[in-house]
Amino acid sequence: MSRKPRGLRPEEERLWQRVADTAKPLGKNPSKPRLTAPIKKPGVAPTPKPERYSPPRFRVGETASTAMPPMVHSREEPLRMDKKSFTKMKRGKSAPEARIDLHGMTAASAHTALTSFLLRSHGQGFRLVLVITGKGRRSKDDGPVPQRVGVLRQQLPHWISIPPLNQVVLQVTEAHQRHGGSGAFYIYLSRHR
C-alpha cells in the first residue's frame, strides 16, 4: 500500500532551498540548472456546506409517535434468491423448516443464540427458517421523548450482515402475518456445500 506524498511545509521548503544552494553540480557541465524541490501550493478545496437538520415540530403536551419504522435493511436489499420462491415466501405459503424465538433474551444472548441457530440450520441443509424477535415492549406512558422499542428487531439486520452470518444468509424479509408479521422474519439460507 503506497502513501500519497504529503508535500513540503513552508519551513521545510526554506530548509531545502538552503541545502540546495550549497550543493555543487557533479558533472563537468556547470551550465545545467540546479535541481530544486518542486514547490507545490496546496489546493484549497471548497468545503461543502453541511445540510441543516430540522427536527419535526413537537409541542409540549403532544404524545410522540412510537410507531415502529419499517425494517430499512430488507427493503433496500437486492433480491438474491429466486423471485418465484421469494414471492411464495412473502405470501406465507412456504413453511419454515426451523424456528427460533428470541423473546425475553438480552441482545448479547440473542445474538449468540441466533448465530448458533443459523449456522446449525445451514449445516443441516435448511433453506428457510423463521426468527421471532417480537415487536418490543410498549409502556402505557412513553412520555414526551419516544423510546426505541424492539431492540432485537432493530439489531437483526446488523447481526446478519457481519461474519459469520453474512456467509450463510441470502435473504431476510419480514414474515407473513400467519408466521408472526412484523415481530418475525424469514431468513433464507444459502445452499450447504
Protein backbone atom coordinates (compact mmCIF):
# COMPACT_ATOMS: atom_id res chain seq x y z
CA MET A 1 0.00 0.00 0.00
CA SER A 2 1.64 3.26 -1.09
CA ARG A 3 1.10 6.56 0.62
CA LYS A 4 0.27 9.77 -1.14
CA PRO A 5 3.12 12.28 -0.78
CA ARG A 6 2.17 14.99 1.66
CA GLY A 7 4.25 17.81 0.18
CA LEU A 8 6.63 20.16 1.99
CA ARG A 9 5.71 22.62 4.67
CA PRO A 10 6.96 26.21 4.23
CA GLU A 11 9.75 25.78 6.80
CA GLU A 12 10.81 22.53 5.11
CA GLU A 13 10.89 24.30 1.72
CA ARG A 14 13.13 27.06 3.13
CA LEU A 15 15.46 24.45 4.66
CA TRP A 16 15.58 22.52 1.38
CA GLN A 17 16.39 25.71 -0.54
CA ARG A 18 19.27 26.46 1.86
CA VAL A 19 20.67 22.94 1.35
CA ALA A 20 20.18 23.13 -2.44
CA ASP A 21 22.02 26.48 -2.59
CA THR A 22 25.13 24.91 -1.00
CA ALA A 23 25.18 21.89 -3.33
CA LYS A 24 27.73 21.74 -6.18
CA PRO A 25 26.98 20.09 -9.54
CA LEU A 26 28.54 16.62 -10.04
CA GLY A 27 29.45 16.73 -13.70
CA LYS A 28 31.84 18.84 -15.77
CA ASN A 29 28.93 20.81 -17.22
CA PRO A 30 28.15 23.64 -14.78
CA SER A 31 25.62 25.11 -17.21
CA LYS A 32 22.96 22.57 -16.22
CA PRO A 33 20.36 24.06 -13.92
CA ARG A 34 20.40 23.08 -10.29
CA LEU A 35 17.69 20.77 -9.10
CA THR A 36 15.36 22.16 -6.50
CA ALA A 37 12.36 20.65 -4.80
CA PRO A 38 9.20 21.39 -6.71
CA ILE A 39 7.10 23.90 -4.86
CA LYS A 40 3.57 22.72 -4.65
CA LYS A 41 0.93 25.09 -3.50
CA PRO A 42 -1.75 23.18 -1.68
CA GLY A 43 -5.07 23.49 -3.45
CA VAL A 44 -7.84 24.65 -1.24
CA ALA A 45 -10.88 22.53 -1.86
CA PRO A 46 -14.16 24.25 -1.19
CA THR A 47 -15.77 22.90 1.94
CA PRO A 48 -19.27 21.61 1.32
CA LYS A 49 -21.94 23.32 3.31
CA PRO A 50 -23.49 20.91 5.80
CA GLU A 51 -27.16 20.24 5.34
CA ARG A 52 -29.21 21.69 8.11
CA TYR A 53 -31.28 19.22 10.06
CA SER A 54 -34.60 20.46 11.24
CA PRO A 55 -36.36 18.08 13.60
CA PRO A 56 -40.11 17.62 13.21
CA ARG A 57 -42.25 20.13 15.09
CA PHE A 58 -43.25 18.99 18.55
CA ARG A 59 -45.36 20.85 21.07
CA VAL A 60 -45.35 20.28 24.80
CA GLY A 61 -48.24 18.05 25.74
CA GLU A 62 -48.27 16.09 22.47
CA THR A 63 -47.64 12.39 22.59
CA ALA A 64 -44.72 11.37 20.42
CA SER A 65 -45.30 8.76 17.76
CA THR A 66 -43.91 5.39 18.77
CA ALA A 67 -44.81 3.61 15.57
CA MET A 68 -42.09 1.21 14.58
CA PRO A 69 -40.27 2.19 11.43
CA PRO A 70 -40.18 -0.38 8.66
CA MET A 71 -37.08 -2.54 8.55
CA VAL A 72 -34.96 -0.46 6.19
CA HIS A 73 -32.47 -3.25 5.52
CA SER A 74 -34.99 -5.62 3.93
CA ARG A 75 -36.48 -3.02 1.57
CA GLU A 76 -33.19 -1.79 0.18
CA GLU A 77 -31.58 -5.19 -0.09
CA PRO A 78 -31.41 -6.57 -3.64
CA LEU A 79 -33.14 -9.84 -4.34
CA ARG A 80 -30.54 -12.60 -4.04
CA MET A 81 -32.85 -15.58 -4.45
CA ASP A 82 -35.33 -16.93 -6.97
CA LYS A 83 -38.14 -14.40 -7.46
CA LYS A 84 -40.84 -17.08 -7.52
CA SER A 85 -39.61 -18.58 -4.23
CA PHE A 86 -39.34 -15.09 -2.72
CA THR A 87 -42.94 -14.24 -3.65
CA LYS A 88 -44.16 -17.55 -2.23
CA MET A 89 -42.20 -16.91 0.97
CA LYS A 90 -43.53 -13.33 1.35
CA ARG A 91 -47.12 -14.55 0.98
CA GLY A 92 -46.62 -17.08 3.80
CA LYS A 93 -47.05 -20.08 1.50
CA SER A 94 -43.62 -21.52 2.27
CA ALA A 95 -43.33 -23.35 5.56
CA PRO A 96 -40.20 -22.57 7.58
CA GLU A 97 -38.10 -25.66 8.26
CA ALA A 98 -36.95 -24.42 11.67
CA ARG A 99 -37.69 -21.52 14.01
CA ILE A 100 -36.18 -19.73 16.95
CA ASP A 101 -37.92 -17.44 19.42
CA LEU A 102 -35.69 -14.71 20.87
CA HIS A 103 -38.36 -13.18 23.16
CA GLY A 104 -37.08 -12.17 26.57
CA MET A 105 -33.40 -12.51 25.72
CA THR A 106 -30.84 -9.77 26.12
CA ALA A 107 -29.21 -8.50 22.94
CA ALA A 108 -25.96 -10.36 23.72
CA SER A 109 -27.61 -13.72 24.43
CA ALA A 110 -29.96 -13.31 21.45
CA HIS A 111 -27.02 -12.64 19.12
CA THR A 112 -25.24 -15.77 20.34
CA ALA A 113 -28.40 -17.90 20.07
CA LEU A 114 -29.19 -16.56 16.58
CA THR A 115 -25.66 -17.21 15.31
CA SER A 116 -25.69 -20.76 16.66
CA PHE A 117 -29.18 -21.44 15.29
CA LEU A 118 -28.47 -20.13 11.78
CA LEU A 119 -25.13 -21.93 11.45
CA ARG A 120 -26.67 -25.18 12.71
CA SER A 121 -29.66 -24.80 10.34
CA HIS A 122 -27.34 -24.12 7.42
CA GLY A 123 -25.27 -27.18 8.34
CA GLN A 124 -28.43 -29.32 8.33
CA GLY A 125 -29.29 -28.08 4.85
CA PHE A 126 -32.33 -25.98 5.80
CA ARG A 127 -33.16 -23.17 3.39
CA LEU A 128 -35.99 -21.24 5.10
CA VAL A 129 -36.04 -20.51 8.82
CA LEU A 130 -38.18 -18.23 10.97
CA VAL A 131 -36.66 -15.89 13.56
CA ILE A 132 -39.11 -14.40 16.06
CA THR A 133 -37.80 -11.19 17.58
CA GLY A 134 -41.05 -9.74 18.87
CA LYS A 135 -42.23 -6.20 18.34
CA GLY A 136 -40.75 -4.84 21.54
CA ARG A 137 -42.34 -3.66 24.78
CA ARG A 138 -44.52 -0.61 24.88
CA SER A 139 -45.33 1.14 28.11
CA LYS A 140 -48.62 2.96 28.71
CA ASP A 141 -46.89 6.33 29.11
CA ASP A 142 -43.86 6.83 26.90
CA GLY A 143 -43.54 10.45 27.94
CA PRO A 144 -42.61 13.26 25.61
CA VAL A 145 -39.47 11.54 24.33
CA PRO A 146 -40.12 8.38 22.30
CA GLN A 147 -38.17 5.32 23.38
CA ARG A 148 -36.73 2.86 20.90
CA VAL A 149 -38.70 -0.36 21.00
CA GLY A 150 -37.79 -3.74 19.63
CA VAL A 151 -34.04 -3.81 20.24
CA LEU A 152 -33.72 -7.35 18.86
CA ARG A 153 -35.78 -6.40 15.82
CA GLN A 154 -33.52 -3.41 15.20
CA GLN A 155 -30.30 -5.41 15.68
CA LEU A 156 -31.19 -8.35 13.43
CA PRO A 157 -30.14 -6.67 10.13
CA HIS A 158 -26.77 -5.76 11.62
CA TRP A 159 -26.14 -9.23 13.00
CA ILE A 160 -26.79 -10.96 9.70
CA SER A 161 -24.64 -8.51 7.77
CA ILE A 162 -21.43 -9.35 9.68
CA PRO A 163 -19.39 -12.59 9.69
CA PRO A 164 -20.08 -15.46 10.06
CA LEU A 165 -23.78 -15.00 9.26
CA ASN A 166 -23.26 -12.94 6.11
CA GLN A 167 -21.75 -16.06 4.53
CA VAL A 168 -24.88 -18.21 5.03
CA VAL A 169 -27.79 -15.73 4.76
CA LEU A 170 -29.13 -14.96 1.29
CA GLN A 171 -32.29 -13.01 2.05
CA VAL A 172 -34.15 -11.54 5.01
CA THR A 173 -37.70 -10.26 4.94
CA GLU A 174 -40.49 -9.56 7.37
CA ALA A 175 -42.67 -12.60 7.99
CA HIS A 176 -46.24 -13.00 6.77
CA GLN A 177 -48.98 -12.38 9.34
CA ARG A 178 -49.59 -16.12 9.79
CA HIS A 179 -45.96 -16.54 10.92
CA GLY A 180 -45.73 -13.51 13.21
CA GLY A 181 -45.95 -10.46 10.97
CA SER A 182 -43.70 -7.54 11.93
CA GLY A 183 -42.44 -9.39 15.03
CA ALA A 184 -40.77 -12.15 13.00
CA PHE A 185 -38.52 -12.55 9.97
CA TYR A 186 -37.99 -15.14 7.28
CA ILE A 187 -34.33 -15.87 6.70
CA TYR A 188 -33.46 -17.69 3.50
CA LEU A 189 -30.15 -19.53 3.78
CA SER A 190 -27.65 -20.40 1.05
CA ARG A 191 -27.15 -23.99 -0.03
CA HIS A 192 -24.91 -26.10 2.21
CA ARG A 193 -21.68 -27.03 0.40
